[in-house]
Amino acid sequence: MNTQSDSPNRRFWSLCLIAIIAAGILSRILHTGYILLDKYLGDALYAAMVYAILRVIGTTKAVAVKAMTIMTALELFQLTLIPAHMLSSPNTLVRITARLLGTEFSFLDLLAYAIGKLDSVCYV
């Protein structure tokens, strides 16, 4: 059910989503020499992107918990090494999917995701 009050909220989160994606792409293209910015800013933005997607498609206050659950599941899935093996596929779509899933597990990524969630929740 879509109400008129949902429409401005969805527009806001859609614009946030576009900005987060643009910032995430820039964080992977531009290199500063600082690992915090070059590696972990992108991870935090990735988590914020999942949160924004969930805000666009949902209106519940539990979105942050759902987003963190998804991000944790994706990070833990990397431990299976399936995404890493997908990188050697001859299929371009499979390799792109591997990049989107991430290929290397890191506890620091989980911390970056949590910071991305905290940042998203603070600006609600």
PDB file of N, CA and C in Angstrom:
ATOM      1  N   MET A   1       0.838  -1.162   0.000  1.00  0.00           N
ATOM      2  CA  MET A   1       0.000   0.000   0.000  1.00  0.00           C
ATOM      3  C   MET A   1       0.896   1.242   0.000  1.00  0.00           C
ATOM      4  N   ASN A   2       0.662   2.147  -0.908  1.00  0.00           N
ATOM      5  CA  ASN A   2       1.456   3.354  -1.044  1.00  0.00           C
ATOM      6  C   ASN A   2       0.609   4.561  -0.676  1.00  0.00           C
ATOM      7  N   THR A   3       1.052   5.304   0.318  1.00  0.00           N
ATOM      8  CA  THR A   3       0.342   6.507   0.711  1.00  0.00           C
ATOM      9  C   THR A   3       1.098   7.711   0.198  1.00  0.00           C
ATOM     10  N   GLN A   4       0.435   8.870   0.243  1.00  0.00           N
ATOM     11  CA  GLN A   4       1.104  10.077  -0.235  1.00  0.00           C
ATOM     12  C   GLN A   4       2.299  10.433   0.635  1.00  0.00           C
ATOM     13  N   SER A   5       2.259  10.109   1.927  1.00  0.00           N
ATOM     14  CA  SER A   5       3.386  10.416   2.798  1.00  0.00           C
ATOM     15  C   SER A   5       4.602   9.549   2.478  1.00  0.00           C
ATOM     16  N   ASP A   6       4.367   8.370   1.870  1.00  0.00           N
ATOM     17  CA  ASP A   6       5.483   7.508   1.484  1.00  0.00           C
ATOM     18  C   ASP A   6       6.240   8.070   0.283  1.00  0.00           C
ATOM     19  N   SER A   7       5.549   8.765  -0.604  1.00  0.00           N
ATOM     20  CA  SER A   7       6.149   9.241  -1.845  1.00  0.00           C
ATOM     21  C   SER A   7       7.350  10.166  -1.623  1.00  0.00           C
ATOM     22  N   PRO A   8       7.246  11.224  -0.799  1.00  0.00           N
ATOM     23  CA  PRO A   8       8.434  12.057  -0.568  1.00  0.00           C
ATOM     24  C   PRO A   8       9.561  11.282   0.107  1.00  0.00           C
ATOM     25  N   ASN A   9       9.208  10.377   0.997  1.00  0.00           N
ATOM     26  CA  ASN A   9      10.210   9.564   1.677  1.00  0.00           C
ATOM     27  C   ASN A   9      10.934   8.668   0.675  1.00  0.00           C
ATOM     28  N   ARG A  10      10.213   8.050  -0.227  1.00  0.00           N
ATOM     29  CA  ARG A  10      10.829   7.197  -1.250  1.00  0.00           C
ATOM     30  C   ARG A  10      11.708   8.019  -2.194  1.00  0.00           C
ATOM     31  N   ARG A  11      11.246   9.209  -2.539  1.00  0.00           N
ATOM     32  CA  ARG A  11      12.063  10.092  -3.390  1.00  0.00           C
ATOM     33  C   ARG A  11      13.366  10.459  -2.682  1.00  0.00           C
ATOM     34  N   PHE A  12      13.255  10.801  -1.407  1.00  0.00           N
ATOM     35  CA  PHE A  12      14.435  11.159  -0.626  1.00  0.00           C
ATOM     36  C   PHE A  12      15.436  10.004  -0.618  1.00  0.00           C
ATOM     37  N   TRP A  13      14.953   8.795  -0.303  1.00  0.00           N
ATOM     38  CA  TRP A  13      15.853   7.644  -0.233  1.00  0.00           C
ATOM     39  C   TRP A  13      16.362   7.232  -1.606  1.00  0.00           C
ATOM     40  N   SER A  14      15.586   7.481  -2.641  1.00  0.00           N
ATOM     41  CA  SER A  14      16.064   7.210  -4.007  1.00  0.00           C
ATOM     42  C   SER A  14      17.221   8.138  -4.349  1.00  0.00           C
ATOM     43  N   LEU A  15      17.104   9.405  -3.982  1.00  0.00           N
ATOM     44  CA  LEU A  15      18.196  10.364  -4.217  1.00  0.00           C
ATOM     45  C   LEU A  15      19.417  10.003  -3.376  1.00  0.00           C
ATOM     46  N   CYS A  16      19.177   9.596  -2.130  1.00  0.00           N
ATOM     47  CA  CYS A  16      20.285   9.147  -1.281  1.00  0.00           C
ATOM     48  C   CYS A  16      20.983   7.946  -1.906  1.00  0.00           C
ATOM     49  N   LEU A  17      20.195   7.026  -2.442  1.00  0.00           N
ATOM     50  CA  LEU A  17      20.744   5.830  -3.075  1.00  0.00           C
ATOM     51  C   LEU A  17      21.650   6.200  -4.246  1.00  0.00           C
ATOM     52  N   ILE A  18      21.196   7.122  -5.073  1.00  0.00           N
ATOM     53  CA  ILE A  18      22.003   7.577  -6.215  1.00  0.00           C
ATOM     54  C   ILE A  18      23.299   8.205  -5.725  1.00  0.00           C
ATOM     55  N   ALA A  19      23.210   9.048  -4.699  1.00  0.00           N
ATOM     56  CA  ALA A  19      24.401   9.710  -4.151  1.00  0.00           C
ATOM     57  C   ALA A  19      25.367   8.690  -3.541  1.00  0.00           C
ATOM     58  N   ILE A  20      24.836   7.707  -2.825  1.00  0.00           N
ATOM     59  CA  ILE A  20      25.677   6.679  -2.208  1.00  0.00           C
ATOM     60  C   ILE A  20      26.392   5.859  -3.272  1.00  0.00           C
ATOM     61  N   ILE A  21      25.677   5.477  -4.329  1.00  0.00           N
ATOM     62  CA  ILE A  21      26.292   4.704  -5.411  1.00  0.00           C
ATOM     63  C   ILE A  21      27.386   5.517  -6.089  1.00  0.00           C
ATOM     64  N   ALA A  22      27.111   6.791  -6.354  1.00  0.00           N
ATOM     65  CA  ALA A  22      28.120   7.656  -6.983  1.00  0.00           C
ATOM     66  C   ALA A  22      29.354   7.785  -6.088  1.00  0.00           C
ATOM     67  N   ALA A  23      29.135   7.988  -4.797  1.00  0.00           N
ATOM     68  CA  ALA A  23      30.266   8.102  -3.865  1.00  0.00           C
ATOM     69  C   ALA A  23      31.032   6.784  -3.783  1.00  0.00           C
ATOM     70  N   GLY A  24      30.312   5.664  -3.824  1.00  0.00           N
ATOM     71  CA  GLY A  24      30.964   4.353  -3.785  1.00  0.00           C
ATOM     72  C   GLY A  24      31.826   4.104  -5.005  1.00  0.00           C
ATOM     73  N   ILE A  25      31.315   4.472  -6.168  1.00  0.00           N
ATOM     74  CA  ILE A  25      32.099   4.317  -7.397  1.00  0.00           C
ATOM     75  C   ILE A  25      33.342   5.200  -7.340  1.00  0.00           C
ATOM     76  N   LEU A  26      33.169   6.438  -6.910  1.00  0.00           N
ATOM     77  CA  LEU A  26      34.318   7.344  -6.787  1.00  0.00           C
ATOM     78  C   LEU A  26      35.342   6.811  -5.784  1.00  0.00           C
ATOM     79  N   SER A  27      34.854   6.185  -4.702  1.00  0.00           N
ATOM     80  CA  SER A  27      35.786   5.663  -3.695  1.00  0.00           C
ATOM     81  C   SER A  27      36.627   4.514  -4.245  1.00  0.00           C
ATOM     82  N   ARG A  28      36.158   3.870  -5.297  1.00  0.00           N
ATOM     83  CA  ARG A  28      36.916   2.779  -5.908  1.00  0.00           C
ATOM     84  C   ARG A  28      37.793   3.268  -7.066  1.00  0.00           C
ATOM     85  N   ILE A  29      37.457   4.417  -7.630  1.00  0.00           N
ATOM     86  CA  ILE A  29      38.222   4.951  -8.764  1.00  0.00           C
ATOM     87  C   ILE A  29      39.360   5.853  -8.284  1.00  0.00           C
ATOM     88  N   LEU A  30      39.049   6.750  -7.350  1.00  0.00           N
ATOM     89  CA  LEU A  30      40.040   7.689  -6.830  1.00  0.00           C
ATOM     90  C   LEU A  30      40.780   7.070  -5.655  1.00  0.00           C
ATOM     91  N   HIS A  31      42.080   7.113  -5.692  1.00  0.00           N
ATOM     92  CA  HIS A  31      42.884   6.528  -4.620  1.00  0.00           C
ATOM     93  C   HIS A  31      43.649   7.629  -3.902  1.00  0.00           C
ATOM     94  N   THR A  32      43.507   7.649  -2.578  1.00  0.00           N
ATOM     95  CA  THR A  32      44.135   8.683  -1.760  1.00  0.00           C
ATOM     96  C   THR A  32      45.428   8.212  -1.111  1.00  0.00           C
ATOM     97  N   GLY A  33      45.619   6.894  -1.039  1.00  0.00           N
ATOM     98  CA  GLY A  33      46.774   6.359  -0.340  1.00  0.00           C
ATOM     99  C   GLY A  33      46.458   6.035   1.118  1.00  0.00           C
ATOM    100  N   TYR A  34      45.271   6.373   1.574  1.00  0.00           N
ATOM    101  CA  TYR A  34      44.832   6.066   2.929  1.00  0.00           C
ATOM    102  C   TYR A  34      43.886   4.866   2.870  1.00  0.00           C
ATOM    103  N   ILE A  35      44.269   3.758   3.527  1.00  0.00           N
ATOM    104  CA  ILE A  35      43.473   2.530   3.448  1.00  0.00           C
ATOM    105  C   ILE A  35      42.055   2.750   3.953  1.00  0.00           C
ATOM    106  N   LEU A  36      41.901   3.620   4.961  1.00  0.00           N
ATOM    107  CA  LEU A  36      40.564   3.882   5.490  1.00  0.00           C
ATOM    108  C   LEU A  36      39.645   4.427   4.408  1.00  0.00           C
ATOM    109  N   LEU A  37      40.151   5.313   3.584  1.00  0.00           N
ATOM    110  CA  LEU A  37      39.338   5.881   2.510  1.00  0.00           C
ATOM    111  C   LEU A  37      39.296   4.968   1.291  1.00  0.00           C
ATOM    112  N   ASP A  38      40.431   4.406   0.942  1.00  0.00           N
ATOM    113  CA  ASP A  38      40.508   3.613  -0.287  1.00  0.00           C
ATOM    114  C   ASP A  38      39.792   2.273  -0.181  1.00  0.00           C
ATOM    115  N   LYS A  39      39.757   1.647   0.971  1.00  0.00           N
ATOM    116  CA  LYS A  39      39.135   0.326   1.118  1.00  0.00           C
ATOM    117  C   LYS A  39      37.834   0.389   1.905  1.00  0.00           C
ATOM    118  N   TYR A  40      37.894   0.956   3.098  1.00  0.00           N
ATOM    119  CA  TYR A  40      36.772   0.812   4.020  1.00  0.00           C
ATOM    120  C   TYR A  40      35.658   1.833   3.811  1.00  0.00           C
ATOM    121  N   LEU A  41      35.934   2.956   3.186  1.00  0.00           N
ATOM    122  CA  LEU A  41      34.856   3.894   2.859  1.00  0.00           C
ATOM    123  C   LEU A  41      33.879   3.223   1.905  1.00  0.00           C
ATOM    124  N   GLY A  42      34.403   2.521   0.912  1.00  0.00           N
ATOM    125  CA  GLY A  42      33.547   1.810  -0.036  1.00  0.00           C
ATOM    126  C   GLY A  42      32.704   0.747   0.643  1.00  0.00           C
ATOM    127  N   ASP A  43      33.281   0.048   1.631  1.00  0.00           N
ATOM    128  CA  ASP A  43      32.530  -0.975   2.365  1.00  0.00           C
ATOM    129  C   ASP A  43      31.394  -0.346   3.164  1.00  0.00           C
ATOM    130  N   ALA A  44      31.673   0.768   3.822  1.00  0.00           N
ATOM    131  CA  ALA A  44      30.635   1.461   4.588  1.00  0.00           C
ATOM    132  C   ALA A  44      29.546   1.981   3.654  1.00  0.00           C
ATOM    133  N   LEU A  45      29.941   2.494   2.510  1.00  0.00           N
ATOM    134  CA  LEU A  45      28.959   2.980   1.540  1.00  0.00           C
ATOM    135  C   LEU A  45      28.127   1.833   0.967  1.00  0.00           C
ATOM    136  N   TYR A  46      28.736   0.666   0.806  1.00  0.00           N
ATOM    137  CA  TYR A  46      28.019  -0.518   0.318  1.00  0.00           C
ATOM    138  C   TYR A  46      26.892  -0.875   1.301  1.00  0.00           C
ATOM    139  N   ALA A  47      27.222  -0.830   2.584  1.00  0.00           N
ATOM    140  CA  ALA A  47      26.213  -1.112   3.606  1.00  0.00           C
ATOM    141  C   ALA A  47      25.130  -0.035   3.608  1.00  0.00           C
ATOM    142  N   ALA A  48      25.531   1.216   3.470  1.00  0.00           N
ATOM    143  CA  ALA A  48      24.551   2.301   3.417  1.00  0.00           C
ATOM    144  C   ALA A  48      23.653   2.150   2.189  1.00  0.00           C
ATOM    145  N   MET A  49      24.211   1.648   1.083  1.00  0.00           N
ATOM    146  CA  MET A  49      23.425   1.436  -0.127  1.00  0.00           C
ATOM    147  C   MET A  49      22.333   0.389   0.103  1.00  0.00           C
ATOM    148  N   VAL A  50      22.693  -0.717   0.764  1.00  0.00           N
ATOM    149  CA  VAL A  50      21.698  -1.743   1.055  1.00  0.00           C
ATOM    150  C   VAL A  50      20.597  -1.158   1.941  1.00  0.00           C
ATOM    151  N   TYR A  51      20.975  -0.373   2.928  1.00  0.00           N
ATOM    152  CA  TYR A  51      19.991   0.270   3.801  1.00  0.00           C
ATOM    153  C   TYR A  51      19.069   1.180   2.976  1.00  0.00           C
ATOM    154  N   ALA A  52      19.641   1.981   2.085  1.00  0.00           N
ATOM    155  CA  ALA A  52      18.837   2.899   1.265  1.00  0.00           C
ATOM    156  C   ALA A  52      17.894   2.130   0.343  1.00  0.00           C
ATOM    157  N   ILE A  53      18.371   1.023  -0.228  1.00  0.00           N
ATOM    158  CA  ILE A  53      17.497   0.196  -1.077  1.00  0.00           C
ATOM    159  C   ILE A  53      16.309  -0.300  -0.261  1.00  0.00           C
ATOM    160  N   LEU A  54      16.580  -0.769   0.948  1.00  0.00           N
ATOM    161  CA  LEU A  54      15.496  -1.252   1.795  1.00  0.00           C
ATOM    162  C   LEU A  54      14.546  -0.129   2.195  1.00  0.00           C
ATOM    163  N   ARG A  55      15.056   1.088   2.357  1.00  0.00           N
ATOM    164  CA  ARG A  55      14.191   2.226   2.676  1.00  0.00           C
ATOM    165  C   ARG A  55      13.323   2.600   1.484  1.00  0.00           C
ATOM    166  N   VAL A  56      13.847   2.440   0.277  1.00  0.00           N
ATOM    167  CA  VAL A  56      13.060   2.748  -0.916  1.00  0.00           C
ATOM    168  C   VAL A  56      11.914   1.755  -1.062  1.00  0.00           C
ATOM    169  N   ILE A  57      12.175   0.488  -0.799  1.00  0.00           N
ATOM    170  CA  ILE A  57      11.134  -0.520  -1.006  1.00  0.00           C
ATOM    171  C   ILE A  57      10.315  -0.804   0.250  1.00  0.00           C
ATOM    172  N   GLY A  58      10.742  -0.321   1.405  1.00  0.00           N
ATOM    173  CA  GLY A  58      10.015  -0.565   2.650  1.00  0.00           C
ATOM    174  C   GLY A  58       9.966   0.678   3.503  1.00  0.00           C
ATOM    175  N   THR A  59       9.078   0.681   4.459  1.00  0.00           N
ATOM    176  CA  THR A  59       8.936   1.857   5.308  1.00  0.00           C
ATOM    177  C   THR A  59       9.060   1.536   6.788  1.00  0.00           C
ATOM    178  N   THR A  60       9.459   0.340   7.142  1.00  0.00           N
ATOM    179  CA  THR A  60       9.531  -0.020   8.548  1.00  0.00           C
ATOM    180  C   THR A  60      10.785   0.525   9.204  1.00  0.00           C
ATOM    181  N   LYS A  61      10.728   0.685  10.507  1.00  0.00           N
ATOM    182  CA  LYS A  61      11.883   1.156  11.273  1.00  0.00           C
ATOM    183  C   LYS A  61      12.937   0.066  11.462  1.00  0.00           C
ATOM    184  N   ALA A  62      12.575  -1.189  11.160  1.00  0.00           N
ATOM    185  CA  ALA A  62      13.498  -2.305  11.332  1.00  0.00           C
ATOM    186  C   ALA A  62      14.397  -2.505  10.117  1.00  0.00           C
ATOM    187  N   VAL A  63      14.422  -1.537   9.217  1.00  0.00           N
ATOM    188  CA  VAL A  63      15.212  -1.671   7.995  1.00  0.00           C
ATOM    189  C   VAL A  63      16.697  -1.821   8.306  1.00  0.00           C
ATOM    190  N   ALA A  64      17.223  -1.117   9.291  1.00  0.00           N
ATOM    191  CA  ALA A  64      18.648  -1.203   9.613  1.00  0.00           C
ATOM    192  C   ALA A  64      19.037  -2.619  10.022  1.00  0.00           C
ATOM    193  N   VAL A  65      18.182  -3.275  10.791  1.00  0.00           N
ATOM    194  CA  VAL A  65      18.464  -4.650  11.213  1.00  0.00           C
ATOM    195  C   VAL A  65      18.457  -5.576   9.997  1.00  0.00           C
ATOM    196  N   LYS A  66      17.494  -5.399   9.116  1.00  0.00           N
ATOM    197  CA  LYS A  66      17.432  -6.221   7.903  1.00  0.00           C
ATOM    198  C   LYS A  66      18.671  -5.992   7.035  1.00  0.00           C
ATOM    199  N   ALA A  67      19.059  -4.736   6.879  1.00  0.00           N
ATOM    200  CA  ALA A  67      20.225  -4.418   6.047  1.00  0.00           C
ATOM    201  C   ALA A  67      21.491  -5.017   6.650  1.00  0.00           C
ATOM    202  N   MET A  68      21.657  -4.910   7.952  1.00  0.00           N
ATOM    203  CA  MET A  68      22.851  -5.469   8.587  1.00  0.00           C
ATOM    204  C   MET A  68      22.858  -6.987   8.466  1.00  0.00           C
ATOM    205  N   THR A  69      21.695  -7.606   8.547  1.00  0.00           N
ATOM    206  CA  THR A  69      21.599  -9.051   8.386  1.00  0.00           C
ATOM    207  C   THR A  69      22.034  -9.465   6.974  1.00  0.00           C
ATOM    208  N   ILE A  70      21.570  -8.735   5.986  1.00  0.00           N
ATOM    209  CA  ILE A  70      21.946  -9.021   4.594  1.00  0.00           C
ATOM    210  C   ILE A  70      23.448  -8.846   4.403  1.00  0.00           C
ATOM    211  N   MET A  71      23.994  -7.746   4.922  1.00  0.00           N
ATOM    212  CA  MET A  71      25.419  -7.480   4.737  1.00  0.00           C
ATOM    213  C   MET A  71      26.273  -8.529   5.450  1.00  0.00           C
ATOM    214  N   THR A  72      25.857  -8.932   6.642  1.00  0.00           N
ATOM    215  CA  THR A  72      26.596  -9.962   7.375  1.00  0.00           C
ATOM    216  C   THR A  72      26.532 -11.294   6.623  1.00  0.00           C
ATOM    217  N   ALA A  73      25.367 -11.623   6.096  1.00  0.00           N
ATOM    218  CA  ALA A  73      25.222 -12.869   5.324  1.00  0.00           C
ATOM    219  C   ALA A  73      26.117 -12.845   4.088  1.00  0.00           C
ATOM    220  N   LEU A  74      26.166 -11.711   3.396  1.00  0.00           N
ATOM    221  CA  LEU A  74      27.029 -11.608   2.214  1.00  0.00           C
ATOM    222  C   LEU A  74      28.498 -11.764   2.593  1.00  0.00           C
ATOM    223  N   GLU A  75      28.892 -11.131   3.692  1.00  0.00           N
ATOM    224  CA  GLU A  75      30.289 -11.226   4.130  1.00  0.00           C
ATOM    225  C   GLU A  75      30.617 -12.668   4.523  1.00  0.00           C
ATOM    226  N   LEU A  76      29.726 -13.324   5.247  1.00  0.00           N
ATOM    227  CA  LEU A  76      29.957 -14.715   5.642  1.00  0.00           C
ATOM    228  C   LEU A  76      29.949 -15.650   4.433  1.00  0.00           C
ATOM    229  N   PHE A  77      29.145 -15.338   3.421  1.00  0.00           N
ATOM    230  CA  PHE A  77      29.123 -16.136   2.194  1.00  0.00           C
ATOM    231  C   PHE A  77      30.493 -16.143   1.522  1.00  0.00           C
ATOM    232  N   GLN A  78      31.251 -15.083   1.703  1.00  0.00           N
ATOM    233  CA  GLN A  78      32.593 -15.024   1.125  1.00  0.00           C
ATOM    234  C   GLN A  78      33.506 -16.107   1.701  1.00  0.00           C
ATOM    235  N   LEU A  79      33.211 -16.554   2.918  1.00  0.00           N
ATOM    236  CA  LEU A  79      34.012 -17.619   3.536  1.00  0.00           C
ATOM    237  C   LEU A  79      33.893 -18.946   2.785  1.00  0.00           C
ATOM    238  N   THR A  80      32.833 -19.122   1.999  1.00  0.00           N
ATOM    239  CA  THR A  80      32.652 -20.356   1.223  1.00  0.00           C
ATOM    240  C   THR A  80      33.609 -20.417   0.036  1.00  0.00           C
ATOM    241  N   LEU A  81      34.194 -19.288  -0.302  1.00  0.00           N
ATOM    242  CA  LEU A  81      35.094 -19.126  -1.452  1.00  0.00           C
ATOM    243  C   LEU A  81      34.383 -19.234  -2.791  1.00  0.00           C
ATOM    244  N   ILE A  82      33.073 -19.387  -2.775  1.00  0.00           N
ATOM    245  CA  ILE A  82      32.318 -19.448  -4.028  1.00  0.00           C
ATOM    246  C   ILE A  82      32.496 -18.158  -4.834  1.00  0.00           C
ATOM    247  N   PRO A  83      32.331 -16.974  -4.214  1.00  0.00           N
ATOM    248  CA  PRO A  83      32.532 -15.749  -5.008  1.00  0.00           C
ATOM    249  C   PRO A  83      33.956 -15.640  -5.557  1.00  0.00           C
ATOM    250  N   ALA A  84      34.945 -16.063  -4.790  1.00  0.00           N
ATOM    251  CA  ALA A  84      36.335 -16.014  -5.269  1.00  0.00           C
ATOM    252  C   ALA A  84      36.523 -16.908  -6.490  1.00  0.00           C
ATOM    253  N   HIS A  85      35.923 -18.087  -6.475  1.00  0.00           N
ATOM    254  CA  HIS A  85      36.021 -18.998  -7.621  1.00  0.00           C
ATOM    255  C   HIS A  85      35.240 -18.466  -8.822  1.00  0.00           C
ATOM    256  N   MET A  86      34.196 -17.692  -8.553  1.00  0.00           N
ATOM    257  CA  MET A  86      33.401 -17.121  -9.648  1.00  0.00           C
ATOM    258  C   MET A  86      34.218 -16.134 -10.477  1.00  0.00           C
ATOM    259  N   LEU A  87      35.257 -15.543  -9.883  1.00  0.00           N
ATOM    260  CA  LEU A  87      36.100 -14.587 -10.610  1.00  0.00           C
ATOM    261  C   LEU A  87      36.816 -15.220 -11.796  1.00  0.00           C
ATOM    262  N   SER A  88      37.059 -16.518 -11.739  1.00  0.00           N
ATOM    263  CA  SER A  88      37.776 -17.177 -12.841  1.00  0.00           C
ATOM    264  C   SER A  88      36.838 -17.691 -13.928  1.00  0.00           C
ATOM    265  N   SER A  89      35.556 -17.406 -13.805  1.00  0.00           N
ATOM    266  CA  SER A  89      34.590 -17.850 -14.807  1.00  0.00           C
ATOM    267  C   SER A  89      34.806 -17.117 -16.133  1.00  0.00           C
ATOM    268  N   PRO A  90      34.597 -17.791 -17.242  1.00  0.00           N
ATOM    269  CA  PRO A  90      34.679 -17.109 -18.537  1.00  0.00           C
ATOM    270  C   PRO A  90      33.466 -16.201 -18.793  1.00  0.00           C
ATOM    271  N   ASN A  91      32.410 -16.383 -18.014  1.00  0.00           N
ATOM    272  CA  ASN A  91      31.185 -15.601 -18.169  1.00  0.00           C
ATOM    273  C   ASN A  91      31.329 -14.245 -17.472  1.00  0.00           C
ATOM    274  N   THR A  92      31.183 -13.172 -18.225  1.00  0.00           N
ATOM    275  CA  THR A  92      31.343 -11.818 -17.693  1.00  0.00           C
ATOM    276  C   THR A  92      30.342 -11.518 -16.590  1.00  0.00           C
ATOM    277  N   LEU A  93      29.100 -11.931 -16.765  1.00  0.00           N
ATOM    278  CA  LEU A  93      28.069 -11.681 -15.759  1.00  0.00           C
ATOM    279  C   LEU A  93      28.404 -12.359 -14.427  1.00  0.00           C
ATOM    280  N   VAL A  94      28.963 -13.548 -14.496  1.00  0.00           N
ATOM    281  CA  VAL A  94      29.358 -14.274 -13.287  1.00  0.00           C
ATOM    282  C   VAL A  94      30.495 -13.523 -12.584  1.00  0.00           C
ATOM    283  N   ARG A  95      31.461 -13.016 -13.347  1.00  0.00           N
ATOM    284  CA  ARG A  95      32.569 -12.258 -12.749  1.00  0.00           C
ATOM    285  C   ARG A  95      32.075 -10.963 -12.122  1.00  0.00           C
ATOM    286  N   ILE A  96      31.140 -10.273 -12.773  1.00  0.00           N
ATOM    287  CA  ILE A  96      30.571  -9.039 -12.216  1.00  0.00           C
ATOM    288  C   ILE A  96      29.825  -9.352 -10.917  1.00  0.00           C
ATOM    289  N   THR A  97      29.068 -10.443 -10.919  1.00  0.00           N
ATOM    290  CA  THR A  97      28.344 -10.854  -9.712  1.00  0.00           C
ATOM    291  C   THR A  97      29.316 -11.147  -8.573  1.00  0.00           C
ATOM    292  N   ALA A  98      30.430 -11.779  -8.888  1.00  0.00           N
ATOM    293  CA  ALA A  98      31.444 -12.057  -7.869  1.00  0.00           C
ATOM    294  C   ALA A  98      31.966 -10.765  -7.264  1.00  0.00           C
ATOM    295  N   ARG A  99      32.203  -9.769  -8.103  1.00  0.00           N
ATOM    296  CA  ARG A  99      32.677  -8.469  -7.600  1.00  0.00           C
ATOM    297  C   ARG A  99      31.628  -7.809  -6.711  1.00  0.00           C
ATOM    298  N   LEU A 100      30.359  -7.921  -7.099  1.00  0.00           N
ATOM    299  CA  LEU A 100      29.291  -7.333  -6.301  1.00  0.00           C
ATOM    300  C   LEU A 100      29.153  -8.040  -4.949  1.00  0.00           C
ATOM    301  N   LEU A 101      29.349  -9.343  -4.935  1.00  0.00           N
ATOM    302  CA  LEU A 101      29.254 -10.097  -3.685  1.00  0.00           C
ATOM    303  C   LEU A 101      30.466  -9.880  -2.793  1.00  0.00           C
ATOM    304  N   GLY A 102      31.584  -9.554  -3.410  1.00  0.00           N
ATOM    305  CA  GLY A 102      32.838  -9.460  -2.665  1.00  0.00           C
ATOM    306  C   GLY A 102      33.491 -10.823  -2.630  1.00  0.00           C
ATOM    307  N   THR A 103      34.800 -10.851  -2.613  1.00  0.00           N
ATOM    308  CA  THR A 103      35.492 -12.128  -2.717  1.00  0.00           C
ATOM    309  C   THR A 103      36.392 -12.442  -1.531  1.00  0.00           C
ATOM    310  N   GLU A 104      36.608 -11.481  -0.647  1.00  0.00           N
ATOM    311  CA  GLU A 104      37.507 -11.708   0.479  1.00  0.00           C
ATOM    312  C   GLU A 104      36.807 -11.334   1.784  1.00  0.00           C
ATOM    313  N   PHE A 105      36.668 -12.306   2.684  1.00  0.00           N
ATOM    314  CA  PHE A 105      36.061 -12.066   3.988  1.00  0.00           C
ATOM    315  C   PHE A 105      36.981 -11.194   4.834  1.00  0.00           C
ATOM    316  N   SER A 106      36.385 -10.281   5.585  1.00  0.00           N
ATOM    317  CA  SER A 106      37.154  -9.459   6.508  1.00  0.00           C
ATOM    318  C   SER A 106      36.264  -9.019   7.669  1.00  0.00           C
ATOM    319  N   PHE A 107      36.756  -9.230   8.892  1.00  0.00           N
ATOM    320  CA  PHE A 107      36.033  -8.717  10.057  1.00  0.00           C
ATOM    321  C   PHE A 107      35.939  -7.200   9.998  1.00  0.00           C
ATOM    322  N   LEU A 108      36.962  -6.564   9.423  1.00  0.00           N
ATOM    323  CA  LEU A 108      36.942  -5.103   9.307  1.00  0.00           C
ATOM    324  C   LEU A 108      35.823  -4.641   8.376  1.00  0.00           C
ATOM    325  N   ASP A 109      35.493  -5.458   7.374  1.00  0.00           N
ATOM    326  CA  ASP A 109      34.351  -5.134   6.505  1.00  0.00           C
ATOM    327  C   ASP A 109      33.063  -5.112   7.323  1.00  0.00           C
ATOM    328  N   LEU A 110      32.910  -6.088   8.233  1.00  0.00           N
ATOM    329  CA  LEU A 110      31.719  -6.112   9.082  1.00  0.00           C
ATOM    330  C   LEU A 110      31.637  -4.850   9.928  1.00  0.00           C
ATOM    331  N   LEU A 111      32.777  -4.390  10.430  1.00  0.00           N
ATOM    332  CA  LEU A 111      32.811  -3.148  11.198  1.00  0.00           C
ATOM    333  C   LEU A 111      32.427  -1.965  10.312  1.00  0.00           C
ATOM    334  N   ALA A 112      32.944  -1.953   9.088  1.00  0.00           N
ATOM    335  CA  ALA A 112      32.600  -0.872   8.155  1.00  0.00           C
ATOM    336  C   ALA A 112      31.107  -0.889   7.835  1.00  0.00           C
ATOM    337  N   TYR A 113      30.533  -2.078   7.688  1.00  0.00           N
ATOM    338  CA  TYR A 113      29.099  -2.177   7.433  1.00  0.00           C
ATOM    339  C   TYR A 113      28.307  -1.630   8.609  1.00  0.00           C
ATOM    340  N   ALA A 114      28.744  -1.977   9.806  1.00  0.00           N
ATOM    341  CA  ALA A 114      28.046  -1.484  10.999  1.00  0.00           C
ATOM    342  C   ALA A 114      28.106   0.033  11.065  1.00  0.00           C
ATOM    343  N   ILE A 115      29.243   0.600  10.710  1.00  0.00           N
ATOM    344  CA  ILE A 115      29.370   2.065  10.695  1.00  0.00           C
ATOM    345  C   ILE A 115      28.472   2.647   9.619  1.00  0.00           C
ATOM    346  N   GLY A 116      28.406   1.988   8.475  1.00  0.00           N
ATOM    347  CA  GLY A 116      27.499   2.445   7.421  1.00  0.00           C
ATOM    348  C   GLY A 116      26.053   2.414   7.865  1.00  0.00           C
ATOM    349  N   LYS A 117      25.675   1.392   8.624  1.00  0.00           N
ATOM    350  CA  LYS A 117      24.307   1.295   9.147  1.00  0.00           C
ATOM    351  C   LYS A 117      24.064   2.390  10.176  1.00  0.00           C
ATOM    352  N   LEU A 118      25.018   2.571  11.092  1.00  0.00           N
ATOM    353  CA  LEU A 118      24.874   3.590  12.118  1.00  0.00           C
ATOM    354  C   LEU A 118      24.734   4.965  11.491  1.00  0.00           C
ATOM    355  N   ASP A 119      25.543   5.221  10.463  1.00  0.00           N
ATOM    356  CA  ASP A 119      25.487   6.494   9.769  1.00  0.00           C
ATOM    357  C   ASP A 119      24.118   6.680   9.110  1.00  0.00           C
ATOM    358  N   SER A 120      23.588   5.628   8.498  1.00  0.00           N
ATOM    359  CA  SER A 120      22.291   5.711   7.835  1.00  0.00           C
ATOM    360  C   SER A 120      21.172   5.961   8.836  1.00  0.00           C
ATOM    361  N   VAL A 121      21.236   5.287   9.973  1.00  0.00           N
ATOM    362  CA  VAL A 121      20.195   5.426  10.986  1.00  0.00           C
ATOM    363  C   VAL A 121      20.216   6.822  11.597  1.00  0.00           C
ATOM    364  N   CYS A 122      21.405   7.390  11.761  1.00  0.00           N
ATOM    365  CA  CYS A 122      21.525   8.708  12.367  1.00  0.00           C
ATOM    366  C   CYS A 122      20.869   9.803  11.529  1.00  0.00           C
ATOM    367  N   TYR A 123      20.773   9.610  10.228  1.00  0.00           N
ATOM    368  CA  TYR A 123      20.221  10.636   9.355  1.00  0.00           C
ATOM    369  C   TYR A 123      18.789  10.365   8.943  1.00  0.00           C
ATOM    370  N   VAL A 124      18.125   9.421   9.601  1.00  0.00           N
ATOM    371  CA  VAL A 124      16.731   9.116   9.274  1.00  0.00           C
ATOM    372  C   VAL A 124      15.838  10.247   9.734  1.00  0.00           C
TER     373      VAL A 124
END
